Amino acid sequence: MKILFVMSMAASAIVFGTLAYRVTADLERDTASSTYYSIVDAAVEEAKAITQRKRQGAESLASLLSHSFPDASQWPFVGLRGYSQTASLIAELSHARGHGFLVIVKPDQVTAFEAHAMEFYEQNQYPKEAGRSELGFGIRGTIDSSSGDSFHDVAGNTTWNSRYDILVPLLQFQDDAKYASKLLQNFHQFQVPGKILENIIDCVQASKEDSRGSTTDCGGVTDFMEIDGKSGAGAMFLTPIFPANDPTEVVGFISTTVKRGRDSNQDRT
């Protein structure tokens, strides 16, 4: 009897020990899983919040330009005085790395637009490099992105079968001193941002045709691309600009730069 009693106690101990181990292991696994997902959820929510701040910053600039030049007929012959200071303040509040201002230029507007841009830069004392390259002053296309060779772009041709006969040069940027040589670069020429620009225009057109649509949802973001040859790749949020009196006419874009690499954590979205 004693032997049976001892054996039954030992068996019970093994059974309860095994159950206790499994319960403990399950609890640890559940705790680890819960901790992991809570960290992931927190990171996702933070990323969403950062992205939302960037979007709100871009929309604020777009709204400012919309009301500064409320008629579509004024565009692309525009330019916001104090843009650098305003964009820098908004970028600081929205944790964005940079805000650019691009306008849509049709080929038959190029000559008049370039004359307007040159006068605007001179009147507002932009760096002498603004809008200039070894070819002189004007909208620039790039022959070879790796070498940086460029040409005076007056036609807006692309190598990726664009559906639109337009140029989209960078007219202003928040850091004019650092990026003066990038001004008047035609961003429509490049396939990565160019296709997003066209998708936005298509979205706006579709929203105009569908009374239930909303043009405010027509922004876009590029894949990672080469933003600046010296500082590596990044992505661009692109927000359309609509003149206040012509709220369904796309006349330009705010580009919000997000860099990949050694930027602050706020920019890693």
Protein backbone atom coordinates (compact mmCIF):
# COMPACT_ATOMS: atom_id res chain seq x y z
CA MET A 1 0.00 0.00 0.00
CA LYS A 2 2.77 2.37 0.88
CA ILE A 3 4.44 1.68 -2.44
CA LEU A 4 1.19 2.33 -4.31
CA PHE A 5 0.62 5.52 -2.30
CA VAL A 6 4.13 6.78 -3.06
CA MET A 7 3.74 5.91 -6.75
CA SER A 8 0.38 7.68 -6.94
CA MET A 9 1.83 10.77 -5.26
CA ALA A 10 4.76 10.76 -7.67
CA ALA A 11 2.43 10.40 -10.63
CA SER A 12 0.27 13.23 -9.34
CA ALA A 13 3.34 15.39 -8.88
CA ILE A 14 4.43 14.71 -12.46
CA VAL A 15 0.96 15.48 -13.82
CA PHE A 16 0.57 18.71 -11.84
CA GLY A 17 4.14 19.69 -12.58
CA THR A 18 3.58 19.19 -16.28
CA LEU A 19 0.35 21.18 -16.17
CA ALA A 20 2.02 23.95 -14.19
CA TYR A 21 4.86 24.10 -16.71
CA ARG A 22 2.49 24.27 -19.63
CA VAL A 23 0.39 26.97 -17.98
CA THR A 24 3.49 28.99 -17.13
CA ALA A 25 4.91 28.54 -20.64
CA ASP A 26 1.59 29.58 -22.19
CA LEU A 27 1.43 32.63 -19.92
CA GLU A 28 4.99 33.62 -20.83
CA ARG A 29 4.29 33.11 -24.51
CA ASP A 30 1.06 35.11 -24.29
CA THR A 31 2.84 37.87 -22.36
CA ALA A 32 5.67 38.00 -24.88
CA SER A 33 3.22 38.01 -27.78
CA SER A 34 1.11 40.71 -26.12
CA THR A 35 4.21 42.82 -25.43
CA TYR A 36 5.41 42.41 -29.03
CA TYR A 37 2.08 43.41 -30.54
CA SER A 38 1.70 46.34 -28.16
CA ILE A 39 5.12 47.62 -29.26
CA VAL A 40 4.24 47.12 -32.92
CA ASP A 41 0.85 48.80 -32.47
CA ALA A 42 2.48 51.74 -30.71
CA ALA A 43 5.05 52.07 -33.50
CA VAL A 44 2.35 51.92 -36.16
CA GLU A 45 0.26 54.55 -34.37
CA GLU A 46 3.32 56.79 -34.02
CA ALA A 47 4.09 56.37 -37.71
CA LYS A 48 0.50 57.26 -38.55
CA ALA A 49 0.67 60.34 -36.34
CA ILE A 50 3.94 61.48 -37.93
CA THR A 51 2.57 60.92 -41.43
CA GLN A 52 -0.58 62.84 -40.54
CA ARG A 53 1.49 65.78 -39.26
CA LYS A 54 3.48 65.85 -42.50
CA ARG A 55 0.29 65.72 -44.54
CA GLN A 56 -1.30 68.50 -42.52
CA GLY A 57 1.82 70.63 -43.00
CA ALA A 58 1.72 70.13 -46.77
CA GLU A 59 -2.02 70.86 -46.86
CA SER A 60 -1.44 74.08 -44.89
CA LEU A 61 1.09 75.27 -47.46
CA ALA A 62 -1.18 74.22 -50.33
CA SER A 63 -4.04 76.17 -48.76
CA LEU A 64 -1.84 79.24 -48.31
CA LEU A 65 -0.83 79.18 -51.97
CA SER A 66 -4.41 78.47 -53.00
CA HIS A 67 -5.65 81.67 -51.38
CA SER A 68 -2.60 83.73 -52.29
CA PHE A 69 -3.27 83.08 -55.99
CA PRO A 70 -7.00 82.24 -56.07
CA ASP A 71 -7.54 82.19 -59.84
CA ALA A 72 -6.29 79.38 -62.08
CA SER A 73 -5.51 81.96 -64.79
CA GLN A 74 -2.73 83.39 -62.57
CA TRP A 75 -0.78 80.16 -62.66
CA PRO A 76 2.05 79.25 -63.23
CA PHE A 77 3.20 82.89 -63.04
CA VAL A 78 3.27 82.93 -59.25
CA GLY A 79 5.73 82.94 -56.37
CA LEU A 80 5.17 83.31 -52.65
CA ARG A 81 7.26 85.97 -50.94
CA GLY A 82 8.61 84.62 -47.68
CA TYR A 83 8.02 81.04 -48.80
CA SER A 84 11.30 79.83 -47.32
CA GLN A 85 10.47 81.14 -43.84
CA THR A 86 6.87 79.94 -43.96
CA ALA A 87 7.75 76.48 -45.25
CA SER A 88 10.52 76.11 -42.68
CA LEU A 89 8.14 76.92 -39.83
CA ILE A 90 5.53 74.48 -41.10
CA ALA A 91 8.19 71.80 -41.61
CA GLU A 92 9.35 72.24 -38.02
CA LEU A 93 5.79 71.92 -36.70
CA SER A 94 5.01 68.90 -38.89
CA HIS A 95 8.38 67.14 -38.48
CA ALA A 96 9.00 67.22 -42.23
CA ARG A 97 12.47 67.38 -43.71
CA GLY A 98 11.55 69.78 -46.46
CA HIS A 99 8.70 71.35 -48.44
CA GLY A 100 9.03 72.19 -52.12
CA PHE A 101 6.65 74.16 -54.31
CA LEU A 102 6.15 72.84 -57.85
CA VAL A 103 3.98 74.37 -60.58
CA ILE A 104 2.47 72.89 -63.74
CA VAL A 105 3.82 74.55 -66.88
CA LYS A 106 2.58 73.82 -70.40
CA PRO A 107 5.16 73.83 -73.22
CA ASP A 108 3.71 77.01 -74.74
CA GLN A 109 4.14 78.77 -71.38
CA VAL A 110 7.81 77.92 -70.87
CA THR A 111 9.36 81.12 -72.26
CA ALA A 112 7.03 83.43 -70.33
CA PHE A 113 7.33 81.33 -67.18
CA GLU A 114 11.15 81.39 -67.24
CA ALA A 115 11.14 85.18 -67.65
CA HIS A 116 8.75 85.44 -64.70
CA ALA A 117 10.87 83.08 -62.54
CA MET A 118 14.08 84.98 -63.31
CA GLU A 119 12.47 88.30 -62.36
CA PHE A 120 10.99 86.81 -59.19
CA TYR A 121 14.34 85.36 -58.06
CA GLU A 122 16.15 88.64 -58.74
CA GLN A 123 13.56 90.78 -56.97
CA ASN A 124 13.61 88.54 -53.93
CA GLN A 125 17.41 88.26 -53.86
CA TYR A 126 17.65 84.51 -54.36
CA PRO A 127 21.15 83.02 -54.61
CA LYS A 128 22.66 83.54 -58.06
CA GLU A 129 22.59 79.76 -58.63
CA ALA A 130 18.77 79.72 -58.45
CA GLY A 131 17.41 78.19 -61.64
CA ARG A 132 20.81 78.15 -63.31
CA SER A 133 23.06 75.42 -64.61
CA GLU A 134 25.97 75.23 -67.01
CA LEU A 135 23.36 75.76 -69.74
CA GLY A 136 22.15 79.03 -68.29
CA PHE A 137 18.80 79.93 -66.73
CA GLY A 138 15.71 77.84 -67.32
CA ILE A 139 13.75 74.66 -66.69
CA ARG A 140 16.10 71.68 -66.66
CA GLY A 141 15.70 68.09 -67.70
CA THR A 142 18.26 65.41 -66.89
CA ILE A 143 19.95 63.34 -69.59
CA ASP A 144 21.67 60.91 -67.22
CA SER A 145 20.78 60.91 -63.52
CA SER A 146 24.07 59.24 -62.59
CA SER A 147 26.24 61.85 -64.29
CA GLY A 148 23.95 64.79 -63.65
CA ASP A 149 24.09 65.91 -67.29
CA SER A 150 21.17 68.18 -68.04
CA PHE A 151 19.47 70.03 -70.88
CA HIS A 152 17.21 73.05 -71.27
CA ASP A 153 13.77 71.44 -71.11
CA VAL A 154 11.20 73.33 -73.15
CA ALA A 155 9.04 70.46 -74.40
CA GLY A 156 8.52 68.29 -71.31
CA ASN A 157 9.28 65.03 -73.11
CA THR A 158 9.77 61.93 -70.98
CA THR A 159 11.21 58.47 -71.62
CA TRP A 160 8.41 56.59 -69.86
CA ASN A 161 5.41 57.25 -72.15
CA SER A 162 3.85 60.09 -70.20
CA ARG A 163 0.18 60.74 -70.78
CA TYR A 164 0.47 64.49 -70.17
CA ASP A 165 2.24 67.19 -72.17
CA ILE A 166 3.42 69.22 -69.17
CA LEU A 167 6.49 70.26 -67.18
CA VAL A 168 6.46 70.42 -63.37
CA PRO A 169 9.48 72.47 -62.26
CA LEU A 170 10.46 73.13 -58.65
CA LEU A 171 9.84 76.85 -58.24
CA GLN A 172 10.61 77.33 -54.54
CA PHE A 173 12.04 75.32 -51.65
CA GLN A 174 12.29 76.07 -47.97
CA ASP A 175 16.10 76.08 -47.99
CA ASP A 176 16.86 78.25 -51.01
CA ALA A 177 20.53 78.73 -50.14
CA LYS A 178 21.23 74.99 -50.02
CA TYR A 179 18.98 73.90 -52.87
CA ALA A 180 19.24 76.90 -55.21
CA SER A 181 20.83 74.78 -57.94
CA LYS A 182 17.84 72.39 -57.79
CA LEU A 183 15.29 75.09 -58.56
CA LEU A 184 13.52 74.76 -61.94
CA GLN A 185 14.33 71.05 -62.14
CA ASN A 186 11.49 69.34 -64.03
CA PHE A 187 10.16 66.64 -61.70
CA HIS A 188 7.67 65.35 -64.24
CA GLN A 189 10.53 63.99 -66.30
CA PHE A 190 11.53 61.45 -63.65
CA GLN A 191 9.43 58.29 -63.75
CA VAL A 192 9.00 57.79 -60.00
CA PRO A 193 7.53 61.21 -59.11
CA GLY A 194 6.17 61.77 -62.63
CA LYS A 195 3.76 58.86 -62.47
CA ILE A 196 2.52 59.94 -59.03
CA LEU A 197 1.93 63.46 -60.36
CA GLU A 198 -0.13 62.04 -63.19
CA ASN A 199 -2.04 59.72 -60.86
CA ILE A 200 -3.01 62.76 -58.79
CA ILE A 201 -4.21 64.62 -61.88
CA ASP A 202 -6.19 61.55 -62.94
CA CYS A 203 -7.69 61.29 -59.46
CA VAL A 204 -8.81 64.91 -59.55
CA GLN A 205 -10.34 64.45 -62.99
CA ALA A 206 -12.23 61.36 -61.82
CA SER A 207 -13.47 63.25 -58.74
CA LYS A 208 -14.77 66.07 -60.95
CA GLU A 209 -16.73 63.56 -63.01
CA ASP A 210 -18.10 61.81 -59.93
CA SER A 211 -20.09 64.16 -57.72
CA ARG A 212 -19.43 61.82 -54.77
CA GLY A 213 -15.66 62.09 -55.16
CA SER A 214 -13.37 64.38 -53.17
CA THR A 215 -10.27 66.02 -54.62
CA THR A 216 -8.85 66.36 -51.10
CA ASP A 217 -8.06 62.63 -51.16
CA CYS A 218 -5.93 62.86 -54.31
CA GLY A 219 -2.48 63.20 -52.77
CA GLY A 220 0.21 60.58 -53.35
CA VAL A 221 3.57 59.32 -52.17
CA THR A 222 6.46 58.03 -54.25
CA ASP A 223 8.60 54.98 -53.67
CA PHE A 224 12.08 55.71 -52.36
CA MET A 225 14.08 57.56 -55.00
CA GLU A 226 17.21 59.66 -55.29
CA ILE A 227 16.25 63.05 -53.88
CA ASP A 228 19.70 64.57 -53.62
CA GLY A 229 22.80 62.84 -54.93
CA LYS A 230 24.83 63.91 -51.91
CA SER A 231 22.46 62.80 -49.19
CA GLY A 232 20.92 59.64 -50.58
CA ALA A 233 17.45 58.36 -51.22
CA GLY A 234 14.12 59.46 -49.85
CA ALA A 235 10.43 59.57 -50.66
CA MET A 236 8.11 62.44 -51.53
CA PHE A 237 4.58 63.16 -50.40
CA LEU A 238 2.88 65.11 -53.19
CA THR A 239 -0.11 67.31 -52.33
CA PRO A 240 -2.10 69.05 -55.09
CA ILE A 241 -2.77 72.78 -55.04
CA PHE A 242 -6.19 74.09 -56.11
CA PRO A 243 -6.82 77.85 -56.55
CA ALA A 244 -9.48 79.04 -54.12
CA ASN A 245 -11.77 80.22 -56.93
CA ASP A 246 -11.17 77.10 -59.04
CA PRO A 247 -11.16 74.31 -56.44
CA THR A 248 -11.07 71.43 -58.92
CA GLU A 249 -8.21 72.69 -61.09
CA VAL A 250 -4.76 71.31 -60.26
CA VAL A 251 -2.15 74.04 -60.80
CA GLY A 252 0.78 72.80 -58.73
CA PHE A 253 1.98 70.62 -55.90
CA ILE A 254 3.63 70.73 -52.51
CA SER A 255 6.36 68.11 -52.26
CA THR A 256 7.23 66.95 -48.76
CA THR A 257 10.55 65.16 -48.51
CA VAL A 258 11.09 62.21 -46.18
CA LYS A 259 14.67 60.97 -46.13
CA ARG A 260 15.84 57.42 -45.54
CA GLY A 261 19.03 56.92 -43.54
CA ARG A 262 20.47 59.01 -40.78
CA ASP A 263 17.64 61.46 -40.34
CA SER A 264 15.85 61.87 -37.06
CA ASN A 265 13.36 59.24 -35.96
CA GLN A 266 10.51 61.54 -36.89
CA ASP A 267 11.50 61.29 -40.55
CA ARG A 268 11.68 57.50 -40.65
CA THR A 269 8.10 56.75 -41.70
